[in-house]
Amino acid sequence: MQKVFLITGFNNWGKTTILTDIFGTKVFYKGVPEKFGGYDFLVMPQSNDDLGRTRYEREFIERLSLYKAALGEPKYVAAAFCPTKEKRNNSIAILKSLFSGAKIEMLLLEYKWCNQAKLILSEVDTTYAAEKSVTTHHVSSRTRAGRLTAARGVLTANLP
């Protein structure tokens, strides 16, 4: 079963920054795995709030196709993700479209990178409660280093 780690927050929340910090790179090439803890990951650095649903799905499928051609089916995926409920960019529909059958670990970044906004964790937990494949994890630090430590901890705890 594929395991998907979604770094989750709204627009300009610091999702891609966490991904770059976790994997130690600012560029995620299509079809090239990134390593964490000795495991290969397919990484999707842009989120559905950056691209919209259609482009996000198309970009992910392209990355997946190139990864599969080079290395086979990825066991691990890390992606930036927005928990939007908008009709044209519905996050649950995206999960069902792209990650059906996967175990999803959703890392909820409670605070925006500048601490000027806060995700209402209980609302996000409630939104995904009916999705049996989704487990939410609260990343509540207000500092970049603290968020990185928490995110790495969730990844490490959920890898073999």
Foldseek 3Di string as FASTA:
>chain_A
DAEEEEAEDAPQQCSLVLVCVQQVHNDQDQLAFTDHPRFTEQEARDECNVPPLVVSLVVVVRSQVSVCVNPRGGRYYYYYYYCDCDPRRHRVVSCCVPPPPYQYEYEYEQARLQRPDGDPVVVSCVVCVVPVSYDYDYQDDNHPVSSSVRSSVVVVVPDD
